[in-house]
Structures are given as C-alpha cells and as structure tokens.
Amino acid sequence: MHPVLFKIGSFELASYGLMTALGYVAASLYLLPRLKKAGLDKDTFWNLIFIAFMGALAGSKLLYIIVSWPQLGDTLSEKLTHIIRDFRYGFVFFGGMIASVGALVWYIRKKKLPLLKTADFLIVGLPLGHAFGRIGCFLAGCCYGRPTDLPWGVSFTDPHSLVAPELLGLPLHPTQLYEAAGNFILFFLLHRASQKPHRAGTILAEYVLGYSMMRFIIEFFRGDFRGAYILGLSPSQAISLAAAAVAAGLWYYLRKDKQHG
C-alpha cells in the first residue's frame, strides 16, 4: 500500500495521519450543523472535539503499550526507543475510547450539560471518523489480517508498510476495510436512529453494542499481534464482550423505561 503519500526532503506525509485528520474533519462537519438541536455553542463543541482527540491519542497509545509491552524490546531502553521511534503508529481503539469517555464525562459535567443527550449527539460522528482512520490503517499496512485464499485478499508489498516482513506479498484479509465498511454502516444506522424520537442514552448504547459486536468478529481475522489472550480471546474481544453487555443492559433499561413511561 502507501504508508507515505509523498516525501519532500525530510518531510513525509503519512497516509495514516492524513486519514485520521480527515476523519476528525468529516465527523466535525457532520456534527456542526446540528449544534443548535443539541443545545451546544461552537466554543463548547470545539472544546469537546479537542478533549476527545487528546483522550483518544493518549488512551489508545497507552493501551497499545500495555498489551504490546513484551514485544517492544528486551530492555527498558529498547522499549522506550521503540515507542518514541514509532509513535505515529501503534494504537488500540478501545484504549482511546475509554480515555476519551472519561475526559468527556468530566468536561460535560463541569459545563453542566445533559450527559446522555450530549453523548448521543457526539457518538453519531464517531464511526464516521473511525471509518476514515481505518482506511488510513489500510494504507499504512497496520491492523492487517491473517493470510487468506479468498478472492478479495490483499497483498502488501511495500517494505515500509507495517505488515510483518514474513507476510509481505501474501494475500491477507483486508480487516482494515472490513472495519471501515462496518463503521460506515454503523454511522448510517445511528444517523437514522438519531432523527427519530428516543430516550437520551439510546444512541450511545446502540453504538457501543454495534461496534463491540463488529470488533469481536473482526478480531478473529486479524493477523497482527493482539496482546496476551484471555480464555482464548484477545484483549479487544474481552473488552468488546464487557462493553456489549453493559450497552445491552442500558439499551434494555431505556427501552423498557420508555414503554412504562
């Protein structure tokens, strides 16, 4: 693929960074015209976007370091060198989501905004931005899949891609595109659901449930290092199951409460 789109002197434009930035732009452009309905002003909105971005960056990198610690090197010096050298790559989405949620809850409560209503508003843009980010993963060669004989298998040949050297040239599951497509579908479904009357928190629950189920399935096709397995499940699958259980409980409670309200 194309981990670096172009290079001028020592400057490189990484495809992953560009697509991630485009993802934030796309999500922001979708949400901006809907601020009035959500009861937010532009300053508060951009503060929320900044907090979400910083939380996602820090949390996803931290969880990657935790689950990949044994693979980063033999000594502490080697591990730190690896982290600094490859800081542009190596992120775990669930770590970013957990950190962002924590930071956003703190800010939303500080501003005395309705928590679940604000969460419902913001969450619709997340899968849209995430889809662009996964396309960036595809271009960079990270988050790659297992070898496959299926006709849509994709071979990575660029030695600068993040695919393991022994898998270069082999057809792999395009797991990045699986997740990008799933996120686009999830965005469409959440957009439609958000246009209909609903209890605050319902859209949030539907996102977490939908993404967790999708991620749990896609993990079976991933070929990159997934961290230490727990009862045969990758860390992301374990988190997916826990998140899906909580989201399903919240969704059921809100639907049941609405019916009896």
Protein backbone atom coordinates (compact mmCIF):
# COMPACT_ATOMS: atom_id res chain seq x y z
CA MET A 1 0.00 0.00 0.00
CA HIS A 2 1.12 3.59 0.54
CA PRO A 3 2.28 4.28 4.12
CA VAL A 4 3.85 7.55 2.91
CA LEU A 5 1.87 9.52 0.34
CA PHE A 6 4.76 11.77 -0.65
CA LYS A 7 8.09 13.00 0.64
CA ILE A 8 9.74 16.40 0.20
CA GLY A 9 13.24 16.47 1.64
CA SER A 10 12.97 15.21 5.20
CA PHE A 11 9.21 15.87 5.35
CA GLU A 12 6.91 12.88 4.92
CA LEU A 13 3.13 12.95 4.70
CA ALA A 14 1.98 9.72 6.33
CA SER A 15 -1.24 8.31 4.93
CA TYR A 16 -2.41 7.18 8.37
CA GLY A 17 -2.05 10.64 9.87
CA LEU A 18 -3.79 12.28 6.93
CA MET A 19 -6.75 9.89 7.01
CA THR A 20 -7.10 10.26 10.77
CA ALA A 21 -7.20 14.05 10.37
CA LEU A 22 -9.78 13.70 7.59
CA GLY A 23 -11.83 11.51 9.91
CA TYR A 24 -11.98 14.25 12.55
CA VAL A 25 -12.85 16.80 9.86
CA ALA A 26 -15.64 14.59 8.47
CA ALA A 27 -17.12 13.94 11.92
CA SER A 28 -16.93 17.65 12.81
CA LEU A 29 -18.57 18.74 9.55
CA TYR A 30 -21.38 16.28 10.17
CA LEU A 31 -21.98 17.48 13.74
CA LEU A 32 -21.58 21.24 13.25
CA PRO A 33 -24.95 21.90 11.55
CA ARG A 34 -26.67 20.04 14.41
CA LEU A 35 -25.26 22.06 17.31
CA LYS A 36 -28.41 24.08 17.91
CA LYS A 37 -30.55 20.98 18.23
CA ALA A 38 -28.03 19.54 20.72
CA GLY A 39 -28.01 22.77 22.73
CA LEU A 40 -24.28 23.41 22.25
CA ASP A 41 -22.38 26.54 21.26
CA LYS A 42 -19.36 26.39 18.96
CA ASP A 43 -16.77 27.06 21.66
CA THR A 44 -18.07 24.20 23.79
CA PHE A 45 -18.25 21.93 20.74
CA TRP A 46 -14.64 22.53 19.71
CA ASN A 47 -13.54 22.01 23.30
CA LEU A 48 -15.33 18.65 23.25
CA ILE A 49 -13.64 17.70 19.96
CA PHE A 50 -10.21 18.68 21.31
CA ILE A 51 -10.73 16.71 24.52
CA ALA A 52 -11.94 13.69 22.55
CA PHE A 53 -8.89 13.87 20.26
CA MET A 54 -6.36 14.17 23.07
CA GLY A 55 -8.06 11.45 25.10
CA ALA A 56 -8.14 9.13 22.09
CA LEU A 57 -4.48 9.76 21.31
CA ALA A 58 -3.25 9.22 24.87
CA GLY A 59 -5.54 6.33 25.76
CA SER A 60 -5.06 4.34 22.57
CA LYS A 61 -1.28 4.68 22.74
CA LEU A 62 -1.20 3.74 26.43
CA LEU A 63 -3.28 0.58 25.94
CA TYR A 64 -1.11 -0.38 22.95
CA ILE A 65 1.99 -0.07 25.13
CA ILE A 66 0.37 -2.17 27.87
CA VAL A 67 -0.77 -5.05 25.63
CA SER A 68 2.38 -4.96 23.47
CA TRP A 69 4.94 -4.45 26.26
CA PRO A 70 6.66 -7.86 25.85
CA GLN A 71 7.03 -7.26 22.09
CA LEU A 72 8.59 -3.78 22.32
CA GLY A 73 12.11 -4.94 23.19
CA ASP A 74 14.17 -6.86 25.72
CA THR A 75 15.29 -3.92 27.84
CA LEU A 76 13.54 -0.79 29.10
CA SER A 77 15.78 1.31 26.86
CA GLU A 78 14.79 -0.71 23.79
CA LYS A 79 11.10 -0.46 24.69
CA LEU A 80 11.24 3.32 25.13
CA THR A 81 13.21 3.71 21.90
CA HIS A 82 10.59 1.66 20.03
CA ILE A 83 7.74 3.72 21.48
CA ILE A 84 9.35 7.05 20.57
CA ARG A 85 10.58 5.95 17.14
CA ASP A 86 7.23 4.53 16.04
CA PHE A 87 4.95 6.95 17.91
CA ARG A 88 2.90 7.62 14.76
CA TYR A 89 1.74 4.01 14.74
CA GLY A 90 0.54 1.53 17.31
CA PHE A 91 -2.82 2.46 18.85
CA VAL A 92 -5.64 0.41 20.38
CA PHE A 93 -9.06 1.92 19.71
CA PHE A 94 -10.68 0.77 22.94
CA GLY A 95 -7.98 2.48 24.99
CA GLY A 96 -8.71 5.75 23.20
CA MET A 97 -12.44 5.32 23.63
CA ILE A 98 -12.17 4.67 27.37
CA ALA A 99 -9.86 7.66 27.93
CA SER A 100 -12.00 9.95 25.75
CA VAL A 101 -15.18 8.94 27.54
CA GLY A 102 -13.62 9.65 30.93
CA ALA A 103 -12.32 13.06 29.84
CA LEU A 104 -15.57 13.99 28.10
CA VAL A 105 -17.72 12.99 31.08
CA TRP A 106 -15.58 15.23 33.29
CA TYR A 107 -15.92 18.20 30.90
CA ILE A 108 -19.64 17.68 30.25
CA ARG A 109 -20.35 17.60 33.97
CA LYS A 110 -18.14 20.65 34.51
CA LYS A 111 -20.20 22.55 31.93
CA LYS A 112 -23.42 21.21 33.49
CA LEU A 113 -24.58 19.77 30.17
CA PRO A 114 -27.05 16.86 29.94
CA LEU A 115 -24.69 13.88 29.91
CA LEU A 116 -26.61 11.27 27.93
CA LYS A 117 -28.12 13.74 25.47
CA THR A 118 -24.69 15.21 24.71
CA ALA A 119 -23.21 11.72 24.40
CA ASP A 120 -25.94 10.72 21.94
CA PHE A 121 -25.13 13.77 19.83
CA LEU A 122 -21.37 13.23 19.73
CA ILE A 123 -21.39 9.46 19.29
CA VAL A 124 -23.04 9.56 15.85
CA GLY A 125 -19.95 11.21 14.37
CA LEU A 126 -17.54 8.69 15.90
CA PRO A 127 -17.99 5.78 13.46
CA LEU A 128 -17.77 8.21 10.53
CA GLY A 129 -14.38 9.49 11.69
CA HIS A 130 -13.27 6.00 12.69
CA ALA A 131 -14.01 4.68 9.18
CA PHE A 132 -11.56 7.18 7.68
CA GLY A 133 -8.99 6.18 10.28
CA ARG A 134 -9.28 2.52 9.32
CA ILE A 135 -8.71 3.41 5.68
CA GLY A 136 -5.53 5.07 6.92
CA CYS A 137 -4.63 1.79 8.64
CA PHE A 138 -5.10 0.01 5.32
CA LEU A 139 -2.80 2.44 3.51
CA ALA A 140 -0.16 2.15 6.24
CA GLY A 141 -0.43 -1.64 6.49
CA CYS A 142 -1.18 -1.75 10.22
CA CYS A 143 -4.04 -3.74 11.78
CA TYR A 144 -3.62 -6.29 8.99
CA GLY A 145 -5.41 -9.60 8.65
CA ARG A 146 -4.48 -13.27 8.55
CA PRO A 147 -3.44 -14.97 5.30
CA THR A 148 -6.43 -15.99 3.19
CA ASP A 149 -7.26 -17.75 -0.08
CA LEU A 150 -10.39 -15.66 -0.58
CA PRO A 151 -10.50 -13.68 -3.85
CA TRP A 152 -10.55 -10.33 -2.05
CA GLY A 153 -7.33 -11.00 -0.16
CA VAL A 154 -4.90 -8.07 -0.37
CA SER A 155 -1.12 -8.38 -0.71
CA PHE A 156 1.15 -5.74 0.82
CA THR A 157 4.49 -5.40 -0.93
CA ASP A 158 5.86 -2.04 0.26
CA PRO A 159 8.71 -2.86 2.69
CA HIS A 160 7.88 0.35 4.59
CA SER A 161 4.37 -0.87 5.40
CA LEU A 162 3.67 -2.14 8.91
CA VAL A 163 2.82 -5.67 7.80
CA ALA A 164 5.10 -8.30 9.34
CA PRO A 165 8.02 -8.98 6.92
CA GLU A 166 7.14 -12.67 6.64
CA LEU A 167 3.63 -11.75 5.40
CA LEU A 168 4.69 -9.31 2.67
CA GLY A 169 3.42 -10.48 -0.70
CA LEU A 170 0.87 -12.89 0.79
CA PRO A 171 -2.87 -12.29 0.33
CA LEU A 172 -4.31 -11.16 3.67
CA HIS A 173 -7.79 -10.44 4.96
CA PRO A 174 -8.31 -6.67 4.50
CA THR A 175 -9.51 -6.35 8.08
CA GLN A 176 -8.98 -2.59 7.96
CA LEU A 177 -11.54 -2.34 5.15
CA TYR A 178 -13.91 -4.73 6.93
CA GLU A 179 -13.95 -2.35 9.88
CA ALA A 180 -14.13 0.77 7.72
CA ALA A 181 -17.20 -0.62 5.94
CA GLY A 182 -18.76 -1.67 9.24
CA ASN A 183 -18.22 1.80 10.68
CA PHE A 184 -19.80 3.49 7.66
CA ILE A 185 -22.85 1.22 8.04
CA LEU A 186 -22.97 1.90 11.78
CA PHE A 187 -22.80 5.65 11.15
CA PHE A 188 -25.72 5.43 8.71
CA LEU A 189 -27.83 3.42 11.17
CA LEU A 190 -27.08 5.75 14.07
CA HIS A 191 -27.82 8.81 11.94
CA ARG A 192 -31.25 7.40 11.09
CA ALA A 193 -31.94 6.43 14.69
CA SER A 194 -30.93 9.88 15.93
CA GLN A 195 -33.54 11.53 13.69
CA LYS A 196 -36.35 9.68 15.47
CA PRO A 197 -37.69 10.31 18.99
CA HIS A 198 -35.57 8.39 21.51
CA ARG A 199 -34.63 8.34 25.17
CA ALA A 200 -31.33 10.03 25.98
CA GLY A 201 -28.60 7.40 26.06
CA THR A 202 -30.22 5.09 23.50
CA ILE A 203 -27.94 6.14 20.61
CA LEU A 204 -24.87 5.77 22.83
CA ALA A 205 -25.92 2.26 23.85
CA GLU A 206 -26.62 1.28 20.25
CA TYR A 207 -23.20 2.50 19.14
CA VAL A 208 -21.31 0.62 21.85
CA LEU A 209 -23.33 -2.54 21.24
CA GLY A 210 -22.96 -2.35 17.45
CA TYR A 211 -19.25 -1.56 17.42
CA SER A 212 -18.42 -4.13 20.09
CA MET A 213 -20.15 -6.92 18.16
CA MET A 214 -18.42 -5.88 14.93
CA ARG A 215 -15.00 -5.66 16.55
CA PHE A 216 -15.42 -9.01 18.31
CA ILE A 217 -16.00 -10.73 14.96
CA ILE A 218 -13.26 -8.90 13.03
CA GLU A 219 -10.69 -9.82 15.68
CA PHE A 220 -10.87 -13.45 14.51
CA PHE A 221 -9.47 -12.35 11.14
CA ARG A 222 -6.68 -10.09 12.46
CA GLY A 223 -3.13 -11.27 11.84
CA ASP A 224 -1.10 -8.70 13.80
CA PHE A 225 -0.07 -9.15 17.43
CA ARG A 226 -3.20 -8.92 19.59
CA GLY A 227 -1.71 -8.96 23.09
CA ALA A 228 -1.96 -11.75 25.66
CA TYR A 229 -5.06 -13.87 25.11
CA ILE A 230 -7.60 -14.34 27.90
CA LEU A 231 -9.54 -17.63 27.74
CA GLY A 232 -8.85 -17.77 24.03
CA LEU A 233 -9.94 -14.16 23.45
CA SER A 234 -7.79 -11.18 22.52
CA PRO A 235 -7.85 -8.17 24.89
CA SER A 236 -10.06 -6.30 22.40
CA GLN A 237 -12.51 -9.21 22.30
CA ALA A 238 -12.67 -9.34 26.09
CA ILE A 239 -13.33 -5.59 26.21
CA SER A 240 -15.92 -5.98 23.43
CA LEU A 241 -17.86 -8.58 25.41
CA ALA A 242 -17.84 -6.46 28.56
CA ALA A 243 -18.82 -3.29 26.68
CA ALA A 244 -21.57 -5.08 24.76
CA ALA A 245 -23.04 -6.49 27.99
CA VAL A 246 -23.15 -3.03 29.62
CA ALA A 247 -24.58 -1.41 26.46
CA ALA A 248 -27.24 -4.11 26.06
CA GLY A 249 -28.28 -3.63 29.68
CA LEU A 250 -28.51 0.15 29.26
CA TRP A 251 -30.43 -0.18 25.98
CA TYR A 252 -32.91 -2.64 27.53
CA TYR A 253 -33.41 -0.42 30.56
CA LEU A 254 -34.04 2.68 28.46
CA ARG A 255 -36.45 0.89 26.11
CA LYS A 256 -38.31 -0.73 29.00
CA ASP A 257 -38.49 2.53 30.91
CA LYS A 258 -39.83 4.29 27.82
CA GLN A 259 -42.58 1.72 27.39
CA HIS A 260 -43.66 2.17 31.01
CA GLY A 261 -43.18 5.94 30.99
